[in-house]
C-alpha atoms as a PDB file:
ATOM      1  CA  MET A   1     -20.117  -2.049   6.723  1.00  0.00           C
ATOM      2  CA  ARG A   2     -21.087  -3.541   3.585  1.00  0.00           C
ATOM      3  CA  ARG A   3     -17.792  -2.076   1.260  1.00  0.00           C
ATOM      4  CA  ALA A   4     -14.295  -0.913   1.848  1.00  0.00           C
ATOM      5  CA  PRO A   5     -14.397   2.796   2.359  1.00  0.00           C
ATOM      6  CA  LEU A   6     -11.963   3.629  -0.060  1.00  0.00           C
ATOM      7  CA  GLY A   7      -9.755   2.592  -2.856  1.00  0.00           C
ATOM      8  CA  LEU A   8      -7.277   4.130  -5.334  1.00  0.00           C
ATOM      9  CA  LEU A   9      -7.936   2.039  -8.764  1.00  0.00           C
ATOM     10  CA  ILE A  10      -4.919   2.328 -11.061  1.00  0.00           C
ATOM     11  CA  ALA A  11      -4.481  -0.091 -14.656  1.00  0.00           C
ATOM     12  CA  VAL A  12      -0.906   0.732 -16.245  1.00  0.00           C
ATOM     13  CA  ALA A  13       0.663  -1.296 -19.294  1.00  0.00           C
ATOM     14  CA  ALA A  14       1.958  -4.445 -18.036  1.00  0.00           C
ATOM     15  CA  CYS A  15       6.123  -5.052 -17.576  1.00  0.00           C
ATOM     16  CA  GLY A  16       8.363  -7.704 -18.222  1.00  0.00           C
ATOM     17  CA  ASP A  17       8.195 -10.735 -21.009  1.00  0.00           C
ATOM     18  CA  SER A  18       6.639 -13.728 -20.568  1.00  0.00           C
ATOM     19  CA  SER A  19       9.740 -15.867 -19.359  1.00  0.00           C
ATOM     20  CA  GLY A  20      10.193 -16.298 -15.287  1.00  0.00           C
ATOM     21  CA  PRO A  21       7.682 -16.421 -12.471  1.00  0.00           C
ATOM     22  CA  ALA A  22       4.627 -17.432 -12.375  1.00  0.00           C
ATOM     23  CA  PRO A  23       1.599 -15.855 -14.208  1.00  0.00           C
ATOM     24  CA  GLY A  24       0.703 -12.669 -12.990  1.00  0.00           C
ATOM     25  CA  PHE A  25       3.838 -12.001 -11.679  1.00  0.00           C
ATOM     26  CA  GLU A  26       6.182 -12.111 -15.193  1.00  0.00           C
ATOM     27  CA  CYS A  27       7.253  -8.132 -14.611  1.00  0.00           C
ATOM     28  CA  LEU A  28       8.794  -9.341 -11.178  1.00  0.00           C
ATOM     29  CA  GLY A  29      12.154  -7.138 -10.987  1.00  0.00           C
ATOM     30  CA  ALA A  30      12.030  -5.728 -14.679  1.00  0.00           C
ATOM     31  CA  PRO A  31      13.414  -2.448 -14.538  1.00  0.00           C
ATOM     32  CA  ILE A  32      11.060   0.967 -15.082  1.00  0.00           C
ATOM     33  CA  PRO A  33      11.418   2.315 -18.730  1.00  0.00           C
ATOM     34  CA  THR A  34      13.474   4.951 -19.061  1.00  0.00           C
ATOM     35  CA  THR A  35      11.700   6.916 -21.732  1.00  0.00           C
ATOM     36  CA  ALA A  36       7.625   8.177 -22.083  1.00  0.00           C
ATOM     37  CA  PRO A  37       6.112   9.751 -24.620  1.00  0.00           C
ATOM     38  CA  ALA A  38       5.626  14.000 -24.696  1.00  0.00           C
ATOM     39  CA  THR A  39       2.772  13.657 -23.335  1.00  0.00           C
ATOM     40  CA  ILE A  40       0.532  11.060 -21.004  1.00  0.00           C
ATOM     41  CA  VAL A  41      -3.030  11.622 -20.116  1.00  0.00           C
ATOM     42  CA  VAL A  42      -4.178  10.567 -16.391  1.00  0.00           C
ATOM     43  CA  SER A  43      -8.010  10.561 -16.607  1.00  0.00           C
ATOM     44  CA  GLY A  44     -10.834   8.294 -14.282  1.00  0.00           C
ATOM     45  CA  GLN A  45     -13.094   9.101 -12.397  1.00  0.00           C
ATOM     46  CA  ILE A  46     -13.770  10.432  -8.633  1.00  0.00           C
ATOM     47  CA  ARG A  47     -16.537   8.834  -6.405  1.00  0.00           C
ATOM     48  CA  GLN A  48     -18.058   9.630  -3.338  1.00  0.00           C
ATOM     49  CA  ASN A  49     -20.266   7.166  -0.921  1.00  0.00           C
ATOM     50  CA  ALA A  50     -18.427   4.691   1.036  1.00  0.00           C
ATOM     51  CA  PHE A  51     -21.518   2.066   1.405  1.00  0.00           C
ATOM     52  CA  SER A  52     -22.198   2.609  -2.345  1.00  0.00           C
ATOM     53  CA  PRO A  53     -19.839   4.881  -4.604  1.00  0.00           C
ATOM     54  CA  THR A  54     -21.287   7.366  -6.801  1.00  0.00           C
ATOM     55  CA  ALA A  55     -20.019   9.668  -8.692  1.00  0.00           C
ATOM     56  CA  LEU A  56     -18.673  12.873  -7.275  1.00  0.00           C
ATOM     57  CA  GLY A  57     -18.677  15.885  -9.608  1.00  0.00           C
ATOM     58  CA  GLY A  58     -16.916  19.575  -8.685  1.00  0.00           C
ATOM     59  CA  ALA A  59     -13.560  17.561  -7.018  1.00  0.00           C
ATOM     60  CA  ILE A  60     -10.277  19.722  -7.841  1.00  0.00           C
ATOM     61  CA  ILE A  61      -7.786  16.828  -9.082  1.00  0.00           C
ATOM     62  CA  THR A  62      -4.001  18.478  -9.424  1.00  0.00           C
ATOM     63  CA  ALA A  63      -1.060  16.469 -10.652  1.00  0.00           C
ATOM     64  CA  PHE A  64       2.177  17.348  -9.091  1.00  0.00           C
ATOM     65  CA  ARG A  65       5.583  15.847  -9.812  1.00  0.00           C
ATOM     66  CA  ILE A  66       7.274  14.379  -6.459  1.00  0.00           C
ATOM     67  CA  GLY A  67       9.561  16.852  -4.510  1.00  0.00           C
ATOM     68  CA  ALA A  68       7.967  19.940  -6.748  1.00  0.00           C
ATOM     69  CA  THR A  69       5.704  23.110  -5.898  1.00  0.00           C
ATOM     70  CA  ASP A  70       4.560  23.821  -8.744  1.00  0.00           C
ATOM     71  CA  SER A  71       1.357  21.588 -10.716  1.00  0.00           C
ATOM     72  CA  LEU A  72       1.750  19.832 -13.853  1.00  0.00           C
ATOM     73  CA  ALA A  73      -2.364  19.870 -14.735  1.00  0.00           C
ATOM     74  CA  VAL A  74      -5.520  20.706 -13.126  1.00  0.00           C
ATOM     75  CA  ASP A  75      -9.101  19.816 -13.904  1.00  0.00           C
ATOM     76  CA  THR A  76     -12.241  19.733 -12.228  1.00  0.00           C
ATOM     77  CA  SER A  77     -14.342  16.757 -12.177  1.00  0.00           C
ATOM     78  CA  ASN A  78     -17.597  16.539 -13.671  1.00  0.00           C
ATOM     79  CA  THR A  79     -21.298  16.161 -12.936  1.00  0.00           C
ATOM     80  CA  PRO A  80     -20.545  11.864 -13.853  1.00  0.00           C
ATOM     81  CA  GLY A  81     -17.185  12.611 -11.843  1.00  0.00           C
ATOM     82  CA  PHE A  82     -14.618  11.814 -14.795  1.00  0.00           C
ATOM     83  CA  TYR A  83     -11.279  14.101 -14.990  1.00  0.00           C
ATOM     84  CA  SER A  84      -8.760  14.052 -17.606  1.00  0.00           C
ATOM     85  CA  LEU A  85      -4.950  15.783 -16.944  1.00  0.00           C
ATOM     86  CA  SER A  86      -2.339  15.960 -19.743  1.00  0.00           C
ATOM     87  CA  ILE A  87       0.928  15.781 -18.406  1.00  0.00           C
ATOM     88  CA  THR A  88       4.312  17.191 -20.031  1.00  0.00           C
ATOM     89  CA  THR A  89       6.755  14.505 -19.703  1.00  0.00           C
ATOM     90  CA  GLY A  90      10.348  15.719 -20.750  1.00  0.00           C
ATOM     91  CA  GLY A  91      10.529  12.602 -22.277  1.00  0.00           C
ATOM     92  CA  THR A  92      10.881  10.241 -19.300  1.00  0.00           C
ATOM     93  CA  PRO A  93       8.706   8.774 -16.891  1.00  0.00           C
ATOM     94  CA  VAL A  94       7.038  11.147 -14.197  1.00  0.00           C
ATOM     95  CA  ASN A  95       7.306  10.417 -10.911  1.00  0.00           C
ATOM     96  CA  GLY A  96       4.436  12.237  -9.516  1.00  0.00           C
ATOM     97  CA  TYR A  97       0.758  12.254  -7.698  1.00  0.00           C
ATOM     98  CA  LEU A  98      -2.680  13.674  -7.501  1.00  0.00           C
ATOM     99  CA  ARG A  99      -4.345  15.838  -5.054  1.00  0.00           C
ATOM    100  CA  VAL A 100      -8.076  15.201  -4.936  1.00  0.00           C
ATOM    101  CA  THR A 101      -9.623  18.279  -3.047  1.00  0.00           C
ATOM    102  CA  HIS A 102     -13.598  18.906  -2.526  1.00  0.00           C
ATOM    103  CA  SER A 103     -15.391  20.717   0.234  1.00  0.00           C
ATOM    104  CA  GLY A 104     -17.309  18.441   2.436  1.00  0.00           C
ATOM    105  CA  PHE A 105     -14.472  15.329   2.166  1.00  0.00           C
ATOM    106  CA  VAL A 106     -11.253  14.850   3.252  1.00  0.00           C
ATOM    107  CA  ASP A 107      -8.227  15.174   1.131  1.00  0.00           C
ATOM    108  CA  THR A 108      -6.655  12.851  -0.610  1.00  0.00           C
ATOM    109  CA  TYR A 109      -3.645  11.956  -1.947  1.00  0.00           C
ATOM    110  CA  ALA A 110      -2.988   9.243  -4.658  1.00  0.00           C
ATOM    111  CA  TYR A 111       0.371   7.449  -5.964  1.00  0.00           C
ATOM    112  CA  PRO A 112       0.477   4.915  -8.851  1.00  0.00           C
ATOM    113  CA  SER A 113       3.074   2.266  -8.182  1.00  0.00           C
ATOM    114  CA  ARG A 114       5.827   3.526  -9.897  1.00  0.00           C
ATOM    115  CA  PRO A 115       6.969   6.196 -12.282  1.00  0.00           C
ATOM    116  CA  LEU A 116       4.309   7.312 -15.030  1.00  0.00           C
ATOM    117  CA  PHE A 117       5.689   6.098 -18.379  1.00  0.00           C
ATOM    118  CA  ALA A 118       2.097   5.701 -20.064  1.00  0.00           C
ATOM    119  CA  ASP A 119      -1.654   6.761 -20.054  1.00  0.00           C
ATOM    120  CA  LEU A 120      -2.830   5.933 -16.754  1.00  0.00           C
ATOM    121  CA  SER A 121      -6.909   5.203 -15.528  1.00  0.00           C
ATOM    122  CA  THR A 122      -7.735   5.814 -12.194  1.00  0.00           C
ATOM    123  CA  LYS A 123     -10.994   6.073  -9.962  1.00  0.00           C
ATOM    124  CA  VAL A 124     -10.396   7.402  -6.773  1.00  0.00           C
ATOM    125  CA  LEU A 125     -13.005   7.210  -3.991  1.00  0.00           C
ATOM    126  CA  MET A 126     -12.765  10.265  -1.556  1.00  0.00           C
ATOM    127  CA  PRO A 127     -14.584   9.552   2.222  1.00  0.00           C
ATOM    128  CA  THR A 128     -16.087  11.861   4.359  1.00  0.00           C
ATOM    129  CA  SER A 129     -14.151  12.310   8.202  1.00  0.00           C
ATOM    130  CA  ASN A 130     -17.634  10.199   9.211  1.00  0.00           C
ATOM    131  CA  GLU A 131     -16.426   6.796   7.086  1.00  0.00           C
ATOM    132  CA  LEU A 132     -12.992   7.124   8.351  1.00  0.00           C
ATOM    133  CA  ALA A 133     -14.500   6.915  11.945  1.00  0.00           C
ATOM    134  CA  LEU A 134     -16.615   4.028  10.744  1.00  0.00           C
ATOM    135  CA  LEU A 135     -13.712   2.065   9.066  1.00  0.00           C
ATOM    136  CA  SER A 136     -11.327   2.317  12.443  1.00  0.00           C
ATOM    137  CA  ALA A 137     -14.151   1.783  14.309  1.00  0.00           C
ATOM    138  CA  ALA A 138     -14.980  -1.561  12.425  1.00  0.00           C
ATOM    139  CA  VAL A 139     -11.178  -2.543  12.430  1.00  0.00           C
ATOM    140  CA  GLY A 140     -10.658  -2.284  15.971  1.00  0.00           C
ATOM    141  CA  VAL A 141      -8.169   0.671  15.925  1.00  0.00           C
ATOM    142  CA  ASN A 142      -7.552   3.848  17.943  1.00  0.00           C
ATOM    143  CA  THR A 143      -6.304   7.077  15.156  1.00  0.00           C
ATOM    144  CA  GLY A 144      -4.240   9.561  17.122  1.00  0.00           C
ATOM    145  CA  ALA A 145      -4.251  13.285  15.543  1.00  0.00           C
ATOM    146  CA  GLY A 146      -1.592  13.948  13.586  1.00  0.00           C
ATOM    147  CA  ASN A 147      -0.749  10.866  12.166  1.00  0.00           C
ATOM    148  CA  GLY A 148      -0.450   9.538   8.604  1.00  0.00           C
ATOM    149  CA  PHE A 149      -3.116   7.131   6.796  1.00  0.00           C
ATOM    150  CA  ILE A 150      -2.527   5.165   3.574  1.00  0.00           C
ATOM    151  CA  GLY A 151      -4.712   3.335   1.975  1.00  0.00           C
ATOM    152  CA  VAL A 152      -3.113   0.304  -0.419  1.00  0.00           C
ATOM    153  CA  ILE A 153      -4.360  -2.357  -3.023  1.00  0.00           C
ATOM    154  CA  VAL A 154      -2.092  -5.211  -4.147  1.00  0.00           C
ATOM    155  CA  LYS A 155      -2.042  -6.066  -7.826  1.00  0.00           C
ATOM    156  CA  ASP A 156      -0.152  -8.077  -9.608  1.00  0.00           C
ATOM    157  CA  CYS A 157       1.038  -7.082 -13.144  1.00  0.00           C
ATOM    158  CA  ASP A 158      -2.076  -7.185 -15.158  1.00  0.00           C
ATOM    159  CA  GLY A 159      -3.632  -5.156 -12.545  1.00  0.00           C
ATOM    160  CA  THR A 160      -5.715  -7.455 -11.419  1.00  0.00           C
ATOM    161  CA  ALA A 161      -6.229  -7.730  -7.304  1.00  0.00           C
ATOM    162  CA  ILE A 162      -4.285  -9.808  -5.366  1.00  0.00           C
ATOM    163  CA  ALA A 163      -5.342 -12.047  -2.122  1.00  0.00           C
ATOM    164  CA  GLY A 164      -3.503 -13.556   0.605  1.00  0.00           C
ATOM    165  CA  ALA A 165      -0.484 -10.374   0.134  1.00  0.00           C
ATOM    166  CA  THR A 166       0.913  -9.168   3.431  1.00  0.00           C
ATOM    167  CA  VAL A 167       1.706  -5.052   3.221  1.00  0.00           C
ATOM    168  CA  SER A 168       4.225  -3.449   5.376  1.00  0.00           C
ATOM    169  CA  THR A 169       5.324  -0.204   5.673  1.00  0.00           C
ATOM    170  CA  ASN A 170       8.590   2.007   6.785  1.00  0.00           C
ATOM    171  CA  PRO A 171       7.963   3.602   9.556  1.00  0.00           C
ATOM    172  CA  ALA A 172       5.523   1.327  10.795  1.00  0.00           C
ATOM    173  CA  GLY A 173       1.523   1.662  11.030  1.00  0.00           C
ATOM    174  CA  THR A 174      -0.819  -0.681  12.229  1.00  0.00           C
ATOM    175  CA  VAL A 175      -2.047  -2.596   9.229  1.00  0.00           C
ATOM    176  CA  ARG A 176      -6.054  -4.000   8.649  1.00  0.00           C
ATOM    177  CA  TYR A 177      -7.532  -5.661   5.746  1.00  0.00           C
ATOM    178  CA  ASN A 178     -10.422  -6.698   4.412  1.00  0.00           C
ATOM    179  CA  SER A 179     -12.592 -10.431   5.030  1.00  0.00           C
ATOM    180  CA  GLY A 180     -14.596 -10.834   1.796  1.00  0.00           C
ATOM    181  CA  SER A 181     -15.361  -6.760   1.098  1.00  0.00           C
ATOM    182  CA  THR A 182     -16.019  -5.935   4.384  1.00  0.00           C
ATOM    183  CA  PRO A 183     -12.897  -4.216   6.930  1.00  0.00           C
ATOM    184  CA  SER A 184     -11.874  -6.858   9.586  1.00  0.00           C
ATOM    185  CA  PRO A 185     -10.080  -6.465  12.839  1.00  0.00           C
ATOM    186  CA  SER A 186      -8.549 -10.168  12.354  1.00  0.00           C
ATOM    187  CA  ALA A 187      -7.800 -10.859   8.854  1.00  0.00           C
ATOM    188  CA  THR A 188      -4.187 -11.407   8.361  1.00  0.00           C
ATOM    189  CA  SER A 189      -3.754 -10.752   4.617  1.00  0.00           C
ATOM    190  CA  THR A 190      -5.085  -9.344   2.011  1.00  0.00           C
ATOM    191  CA  SER A 191      -9.017 -10.770   0.624  1.00  0.00           C
ATOM    192  CA  SER A 192      -9.288 -10.907  -3.015  1.00  0.00           C
ATOM    193  CA  ASP A 193      -9.979  -7.046  -3.508  1.00  0.00           C
ATOM    194  CA  GLY A 194      -6.338  -6.649  -2.536  1.00  0.00           C
ATOM    195  CA  ILE A 195      -7.383  -4.241  -0.471  1.00  0.00           C
ATOM    196  CA  ALA A 196      -5.393  -3.184   3.159  1.00  0.00           C
ATOM    197  CA  TYR A 197      -5.197  -0.272   5.122  1.00  0.00           C
ATOM    198  CA  VAL A 198      -2.318   1.093   7.157  1.00  0.00           C
ATOM    199  CA  PHE A 199      -3.265   3.334  10.309  1.00  0.00           C
ATOM    200  CA  ASN A 200      -1.157   5.590  12.418  1.00  0.00           C
ATOM    201  CA  VAL A 201       1.941   6.138  10.279  1.00  0.00           C
ATOM    202  CA  THR A 202       4.445   8.908  11.165  1.00  0.00           C
ATOM    203  CA  ALA A 203       3.100  11.367   8.557  1.00  0.00           C
ATOM    204  CA  GLY A 204       6.129  11.903   6.369  1.00  0.00           C
ATOM    205  CA  ASN A 205       7.646   9.505   3.550  1.00  0.00           C
ATOM    206  CA  VAL A 206       6.667   6.357   3.992  1.00  0.00           C
ATOM    207  CA  THR A 207       8.044   3.322   2.420  1.00  0.00           C
ATOM    208  CA  VAL A 208       5.472   0.862   1.318  1.00  0.00           C
ATOM    209  CA  MET A 209       5.953  -2.670   0.966  1.00  0.00           C
ATOM    210  CA  ALA A 210       4.287  -6.049   0.134  1.00  0.00           C
ATOM    211  CA  ASN A 211       4.549  -9.934   0.199  1.00  0.00           C
ATOM    212  CA  ALA A 212       2.692 -12.019  -2.194  1.00  0.00           C
ATOM    213  CA  SER A 213       2.538 -15.698  -3.192  1.00  0.00           C
ATOM    214  CA  GLY A 214       6.255 -15.736  -2.071  1.00  0.00           C
ATOM    215  CA  ASN A 215       7.418 -12.685  -4.034  1.00  0.00           C
ATOM    216  CA  VAL A 216       8.862  -9.663  -2.538  1.00  0.00           C
ATOM    217  CA  LEU A 217       6.543  -7.019  -4.397  1.00  0.00           C
ATOM    218  CA  ARG A 218       8.465  -3.424  -5.859  1.00  0.00           C
ATOM    219  CA  GLN A 219       8.258  -0.937  -2.721  1.00  0.00           C
ATOM    220  CA  HIS A 220       7.970   2.324  -3.328  1.00  0.00           C
ATOM    221  CA  VAL A 221       7.664   5.550  -0.936  1.00  0.00           C
ATOM    222  CA  VAL A 222       5.046   7.906  -0.794  1.00  0.00           C
ATOM    223  CA  ASN A 223       4.223  10.911   1.364  1.00  0.00           C
ATOM    224  CA  ALA A 224       1.648  10.059   3.995  1.00  0.00           C
ATOM    225  CA  ARG A 225       0.759  13.661   4.753  1.00  0.00           C
ATOM    226  CA  ALA A 226      -0.949  13.932   8.510  1.00  0.00           C
ATOM    227  CA  ASP A 227      -5.333  13.843   8.971  1.00  0.00           C
ATOM    228  CA  VAL A 228      -5.518  13.046   5.535  1.00  0.00           C
ATOM    229  CA  VAL A 229      -5.480   9.875   3.042  1.00  0.00           C
ATOM    230  CA  THR A 230      -2.487   8.675   1.237  1.00  0.00           C
ATOM    231  CA  LEU A 231      -3.755   6.257  -1.467  1.00  0.00           C
ATOM    232  CA  THR A 232      -1.541   3.749  -3.704  1.00  0.00           C
ATOM    233  CA  GLU A 233      -0.943   0.534  -5.023  1.00  0.00           C
ATOM    234  CA  ILE A 234       2.110  -1.862  -4.816  1.00  0.00           C
ATOM    235  CA  GLN A 235       2.785  -4.134  -8.073  1.00  0.00           C
ATOM    236  CA  PRO A 236       5.539  -6.862  -8.799  1.00  0.00           C
END
């Protein structure tokens, strides 16, 4: 496989100030803002084809607040794959996620690294069942029905992918990384793309964690639903 078959690319405004840890880790331990604009916009592109990503039109993107069943906003990606969701916040950060569905692709749930307190730009690559099978074979993992799968990107405060990070989850799953841009059965930390894969995690709420450059990054919880794809990122 020439490319990592899935990823969630999230750009969020950097937090913290200029003091503290090394460059890229300035926001380590900074509190999450407690206020947000009345409306925030989540926008971006849905893509297909793990080997050479291209736009995917016709995907349904729905935003939810964690713990709620009513949707916050819904849109359908256009022919170039773009979408835009306007979300009413009530003045406080939104702890939420996106659900992306399309016939022929595995349902994909995307979680940001923290509650949303500003506009968010995302790109979501939707895999097929065949692509997930190729990924698991490439990294030497036998997947079991009914388990969760999590794709992770580890980034610094500026949204730059971090090499050399290690990822873990609670409950534990089988973690694999890329070597260069190729999924590897033996890599022990992230490559320059910051990507990690977590296989066979027990379906349900999962805490995702990472260590990078001697720093423990901010952990958060995602709901790794059975037999679908969950994407997230981890930042300081």
